[in-house]
C-alpha cells in the first residue's frame, strides 16, 4: 500500500485488538485509540494522524469513512472491514439510537464483563472462536468508554453517508466475511456507489473476519492497490 497503515478498532475493542493482523504485516502500522467524549464527526477527524492508508473495522470503518469523506487528501486508500455507511432511513436510525441507549443502560446496570458476555454471544459472532475474541483486551474498556461509543458513535448517532459515497476518489477496499450475509450485501451496495471500489469476501468467516482470518486480512492489506 502507498502510505503508512492506520488501523482503527471496532466497538468493545482496543488498539491491541489489531495485533493478530499487525503481527503479520512486514512494516507494522499505527493503531490509534478511539478517543472518548467526542461526537461521531469530531471523533473521525481526531483519528487523522497524517497521510496514509486508513483501515477500520465495523465502528472503526464507519469513522474512517467519515474521515475519508471530510478530509480526502489525508486518506490515500480506504479499507473498510465489516463496515457500513450508516443507516439511511430516519425512522430506522432513530430506532437504532433507542436500542443503543438500552444497551448503554445495561452496561451501567450490569458492568462491562456481563455486557461483553452477552455481546459476544450474539449470532453476529457465532463463528468467532473464544480464543480469538480478545476478551481480556475488551475487558480493559470502562463503562464510560462503552456507553459513550454506543450513544455517540453508533449507527443511530452518526450521519448517514450513503448519499456521499460517490465523493470518494481514493481506492476503496471492502472486506467482509462470507457468512456475514448482511454485511456482504452492504459492502456490495457500497461498492456500486463508489467510483473505485472492490469487495473481497473471505470464505468461512463472519463479522469479525479480521480476528477469524488475520492472515487473509494481512495479505490483502499488504497488496499494492
Protein backbone atom coordinates (compact mmCIF):
# COMPACT_ATOMS: atom_id res chain seq x y z
CA UNK A 1 0.00 0.00 0.00
CA UNK A 2 1.11 3.51 -0.74
CA UNK A 3 1.39 5.15 2.69
CA UNK A 4 1.51 4.37 6.37
CA UNK A 5 -1.17 1.98 7.54
CA UNK A 6 -3.55 3.35 10.16
CA UNK A 7 -5.82 0.74 11.76
CA UNK A 8 -8.92 1.75 13.75
CA UNK A 9 -10.64 -0.72 16.08
CA UNK A 10 -14.31 -1.57 16.49
CA UNK A 11 -16.81 -1.29 19.34
CA UNK A 12 -15.75 -3.08 22.57
CA UNK A 13 -12.24 -3.43 21.15
CA UNK A 14 -8.95 -1.62 21.83
CA UNK A 15 -5.88 -0.88 19.70
CA UNK A 16 -4.49 -4.25 20.87
CA UNK A 17 -7.34 -5.97 19.03
CA UNK A 18 -5.50 -5.44 15.75
CA UNK A 19 -2.42 -7.37 16.98
CA UNK A 20 -3.31 -10.62 15.15
CA UNK A 21 -3.15 -8.64 11.90
CA UNK A 22 -0.31 -6.21 12.63
CA UNK A 23 1.94 -9.08 13.73
CA UNK A 24 1.72 -10.36 10.15
CA UNK A 25 2.39 -7.03 8.44
CA UNK A 26 6.02 -6.53 7.38
CA UNK A 27 6.11 -2.80 8.18
CA UNK A 28 3.72 -2.63 11.12
CA UNK A 29 1.06 0.04 11.43
CA UNK A 30 -0.23 2.91 13.51
CA UNK A 31 -3.13 1.82 15.71
CA UNK A 32 -4.69 4.87 17.41
CA UNK A 33 -7.21 4.57 20.20
CA UNK A 34 -10.70 5.85 19.50
CA UNK A 35 -10.92 8.94 21.73
CA UNK A 36 -13.58 9.33 24.41
CA UNK A 37 -16.08 12.13 24.83
CA UNK A 38 -16.41 13.41 21.26
CA UNK A 39 -19.29 13.22 18.80
CA UNK A 40 -19.06 11.00 15.73
CA UNK A 41 -17.70 13.51 13.21
CA UNK A 42 -15.23 15.06 15.67
CA UNK A 43 -14.01 11.59 16.63
CA UNK A 44 -13.42 10.73 12.99
CA UNK A 45 -11.41 13.90 12.48
CA UNK A 46 -9.38 13.20 15.64
CA UNK A 47 -8.18 9.95 14.04
CA UNK A 48 -6.29 11.97 11.42
CA UNK A 49 -2.64 11.06 12.09
CA UNK A 50 -1.39 12.22 8.72
CA UNK A 51 -1.41 10.88 5.18
CA UNK A 52 -1.82 7.14 4.95
CA UNK A 53 -3.98 4.15 4.17
CA UNK A 54 -6.79 4.03 6.70
CA UNK A 55 -8.26 0.68 7.72
CA UNK A 56 -11.28 0.41 10.01
CA UNK A 57 -13.26 -2.50 11.39
CA UNK A 58 -17.01 -2.04 11.97
CA UNK A 59 -17.32 1.12 14.13
CA UNK A 60 -13.73 1.97 13.13
CA UNK A 61 -14.64 1.58 9.49
CA UNK A 62 -17.54 3.98 9.79
CA UNK A 63 -15.18 6.50 11.40
CA UNK A 64 -12.55 6.05 8.69
CA UNK A 65 -15.21 6.52 6.02
CA UNK A 66 -16.24 9.82 7.63
CA UNK A 67 -12.60 10.94 7.69
CA UNK A 68 -12.15 9.98 4.03
CA UNK A 69 -15.22 11.98 3.04
CA UNK A 70 -14.33 15.07 5.08
CA UNK A 71 -10.53 15.04 4.62
CA UNK A 72 -9.93 13.14 1.38
CA UNK A 73 -6.39 14.44 0.96
CA UNK A 74 -5.33 12.55 4.09
CA UNK A 75 -6.75 9.15 3.17
CA UNK A 76 -4.69 7.72 0.33
CA UNK A 77 -6.54 4.41 0.40
CA UNK A 78 -9.57 3.33 2.43
CA UNK A 79 -10.15 -0.20 3.68
CA UNK A 80 -13.45 -0.99 5.38
CA UNK A 81 -13.76 -4.29 7.23
CA UNK A 82 -17.35 -5.32 8.04
CA UNK A 83 -18.42 -1.68 7.96
CA UNK A 84 -21.37 0.30 6.65
CA UNK A 85 -22.15 3.85 5.56
CA UNK A 86 -24.67 4.23 8.37
CA UNK A 87 -28.46 3.99 8.35
CA UNK A 88 -30.19 5.93 5.59
CA UNK A 89 -33.77 5.77 6.89
CA UNK A 90 -34.59 8.34 9.58
CA UNK A 91 -37.00 6.07 11.45
CA UNK A 92 -34.58 3.13 11.41
CA UNK A 93 -31.80 5.42 12.62
CA UNK A 94 -33.97 6.65 15.49
CA UNK A 95 -34.85 3.07 16.42
CA UNK A 96 -31.15 2.19 16.47
CA UNK A 97 -30.44 5.12 18.79
CA UNK A 98 -33.10 3.80 21.17
CA UNK A 99 -31.68 0.27 21.00
CA UNK A 100 -28.15 1.53 21.68
CA UNK A 101 -29.42 3.59 24.61
CA UNK A 102 -30.91 0.43 26.11
CA UNK A 103 -27.55 -1.32 25.71
CA UNK A 104 -25.78 1.62 27.35
CA UNK A 105 -28.15 1.39 30.30
CA UNK A 106 -27.47 -2.36 30.53
CA UNK A 107 -23.75 -1.65 30.81
CA UNK A 108 -24.35 0.96 33.51
CA UNK A 109 -26.54 -1.50 35.40
CA UNK A 110 -24.58 -4.75 34.96
CA UNK A 111 -20.99 -3.70 34.29
CA UNK A 112 -18.55 -4.35 31.45
CA UNK A 113 -17.90 -8.08 31.95
CA UNK A 114 -21.57 -9.10 31.96
CA UNK A 115 -22.24 -6.95 28.90
CA UNK A 116 -19.31 -8.42 26.96
CA UNK A 117 -20.52 -11.94 27.70
CA UNK A 118 -23.87 -11.11 26.13
CA UNK A 119 -22.33 -9.09 23.30
CA UNK A 120 -20.04 -11.88 22.13
CA UNK A 121 -22.87 -14.43 22.40
CA UNK A 122 -24.74 -12.71 19.55
CA UNK A 123 -25.25 -14.63 16.28
CA UNK A 124 -23.07 -11.94 14.69
CA UNK A 125 -20.06 -13.56 16.38
CA UNK A 126 -21.14 -17.20 16.17
CA UNK A 127 -18.12 -18.13 14.03
CA UNK A 128 -15.58 -16.28 16.20
CA UNK A 129 -13.67 -18.81 18.34
CA UNK A 130 -13.50 -17.71 22.01
CA UNK A 131 -9.71 -17.87 21.97
CA UNK A 132 -9.64 -15.31 19.15
CA UNK A 133 -12.23 -12.93 20.58
CA UNK A 134 -9.70 -10.99 22.67
CA UNK A 135 -11.93 -10.93 25.73
CA UNK A 136 -9.14 -9.78 28.06
CA UNK A 137 -8.45 -6.80 25.82
CA UNK A 138 -12.14 -5.93 25.59
CA UNK A 139 -12.43 -6.08 29.38
CA UNK A 140 -9.95 -3.19 29.56
CA UNK A 141 -12.77 -0.90 28.43
CA UNK A 142 -14.63 1.12 31.04
CA UNK A 143 -18.36 1.66 31.46
CA UNK A 144 -17.83 5.27 30.38
CA UNK A 145 -15.98 4.28 27.19
CA UNK A 146 -18.51 1.71 26.04
CA UNK A 147 -21.56 3.82 26.83
CA UNK A 148 -20.02 6.81 25.05
CA UNK A 149 -19.40 4.71 21.94
CA UNK A 150 -22.97 3.43 21.94
CA UNK A 151 -24.52 6.86 22.46
CA UNK A 152 -22.30 8.99 20.23
CA UNK A 153 -20.53 6.66 17.79
CA UNK A 154 -23.26 4.15 16.98
CA UNK A 155 -25.03 3.91 13.64
CA UNK A 156 -28.01 5.68 15.15
CA UNK A 157 -25.88 8.66 16.17
CA UNK A 158 -23.77 9.08 13.07
CA UNK A 159 -24.89 10.86 9.91
CA UNK A 160 -25.83 8.52 7.07
CA UNK A 161 -23.11 8.67 4.42
CA UNK A 162 -24.84 6.62 1.74
CA UNK A 163 -25.53 9.74 -0.32
CA UNK A 164 -21.87 10.82 -0.17
CA UNK A 165 -20.16 7.61 -1.31
CA UNK A 166 -19.78 8.96 -4.83
CA UNK A 167 -17.46 11.66 -3.46
CA UNK A 168 -14.73 9.12 -2.68
CA UNK A 169 -11.89 9.29 -5.19
CA UNK A 170 -9.27 7.16 -3.46
CA UNK A 171 -9.18 3.36 -3.97
CA UNK A 172 -11.58 1.66 -1.56
CA UNK A 173 -11.39 -1.98 -0.49
CA UNK A 174 -14.34 -3.55 1.34
CA UNK A 175 -13.54 -6.76 3.24
CA UNK A 176 -16.33 -8.95 4.59
CA UNK A 177 -16.80 -12.49 5.82
CA UNK A 178 -18.89 -14.72 3.55
CA UNK A 179 -21.03 -15.90 6.48
CA UNK A 180 -21.89 -12.32 7.45
CA UNK A 181 -24.52 -12.07 4.74
CA UNK A 182 -25.99 -8.76 5.89
CA UNK A 183 -22.62 -7.04 5.54
CA UNK A 184 -21.79 -8.80 2.28
CA UNK A 185 -24.89 -7.14 0.86
CA UNK A 186 -23.94 -3.80 2.43
CA UNK A 187 -20.39 -4.00 1.01
CA UNK A 188 -21.65 -4.72 -2.49
CA UNK A 189 -24.17 -1.88 -2.36
CA UNK A 190 -21.47 0.48 -1.15
CA UNK A 191 -19.09 -0.64 -3.89
CA UNK A 192 -21.75 0.07 -6.50
CA UNK A 193 -21.83 3.69 -5.32
CA UNK A 194 -18.05 4.24 -5.01
CA UNK A 195 -16.10 5.09 -8.19
CA UNK A 196 -13.00 2.97 -7.40
CA UNK A 197 -14.02 0.11 -5.12
CA UNK A 198 -13.71 -3.64 -4.89
CA UNK A 199 -15.13 -6.20 -2.49
CA UNK A 200 -13.18 -9.11 -1.00
CA UNK A 201 -15.35 -11.81 0.57
CA UNK A 202 -13.46 -14.15 2.92
CA UNK A 203 -14.78 -17.73 2.80
CA UNK A 204 -15.86 -19.27 6.09
CA UNK A 205 -15.61 -16.01 8.03
CA UNK A 206 -18.20 -13.99 9.94
CA UNK A 207 -18.41 -10.37 11.07
CA UNK A 208 -15.08 -10.33 12.96
CA UNK A 209 -13.25 -11.65 9.91
CA UNK A 210 -10.02 -9.86 10.84
CA UNK A 211 -9.86 -11.94 14.03
CA UNK A 212 -11.05 -15.17 12.43
CA UNK A 213 -8.68 -14.93 9.44
CA UNK A 214 -5.96 -12.39 10.28
CA UNK A 215 -3.62 -13.94 7.73
CA UNK A 216 -6.05 -13.29 4.88
CA UNK A 217 -6.69 -9.72 6.01
CA UNK A 218 -2.96 -9.02 6.43
CA UNK A 219 -2.37 -10.36 2.93
CA UNK A 220 -5.00 -8.03 1.49
CA UNK A 221 -3.55 -5.05 3.36
CA UNK A 222 -0.04 -5.86 2.15
CA UNK A 223 -1.02 -5.99 -1.51
CA UNK A 224 -0.48 -2.90 -3.61
CA UNK A 225 -3.61 -1.11 -4.73
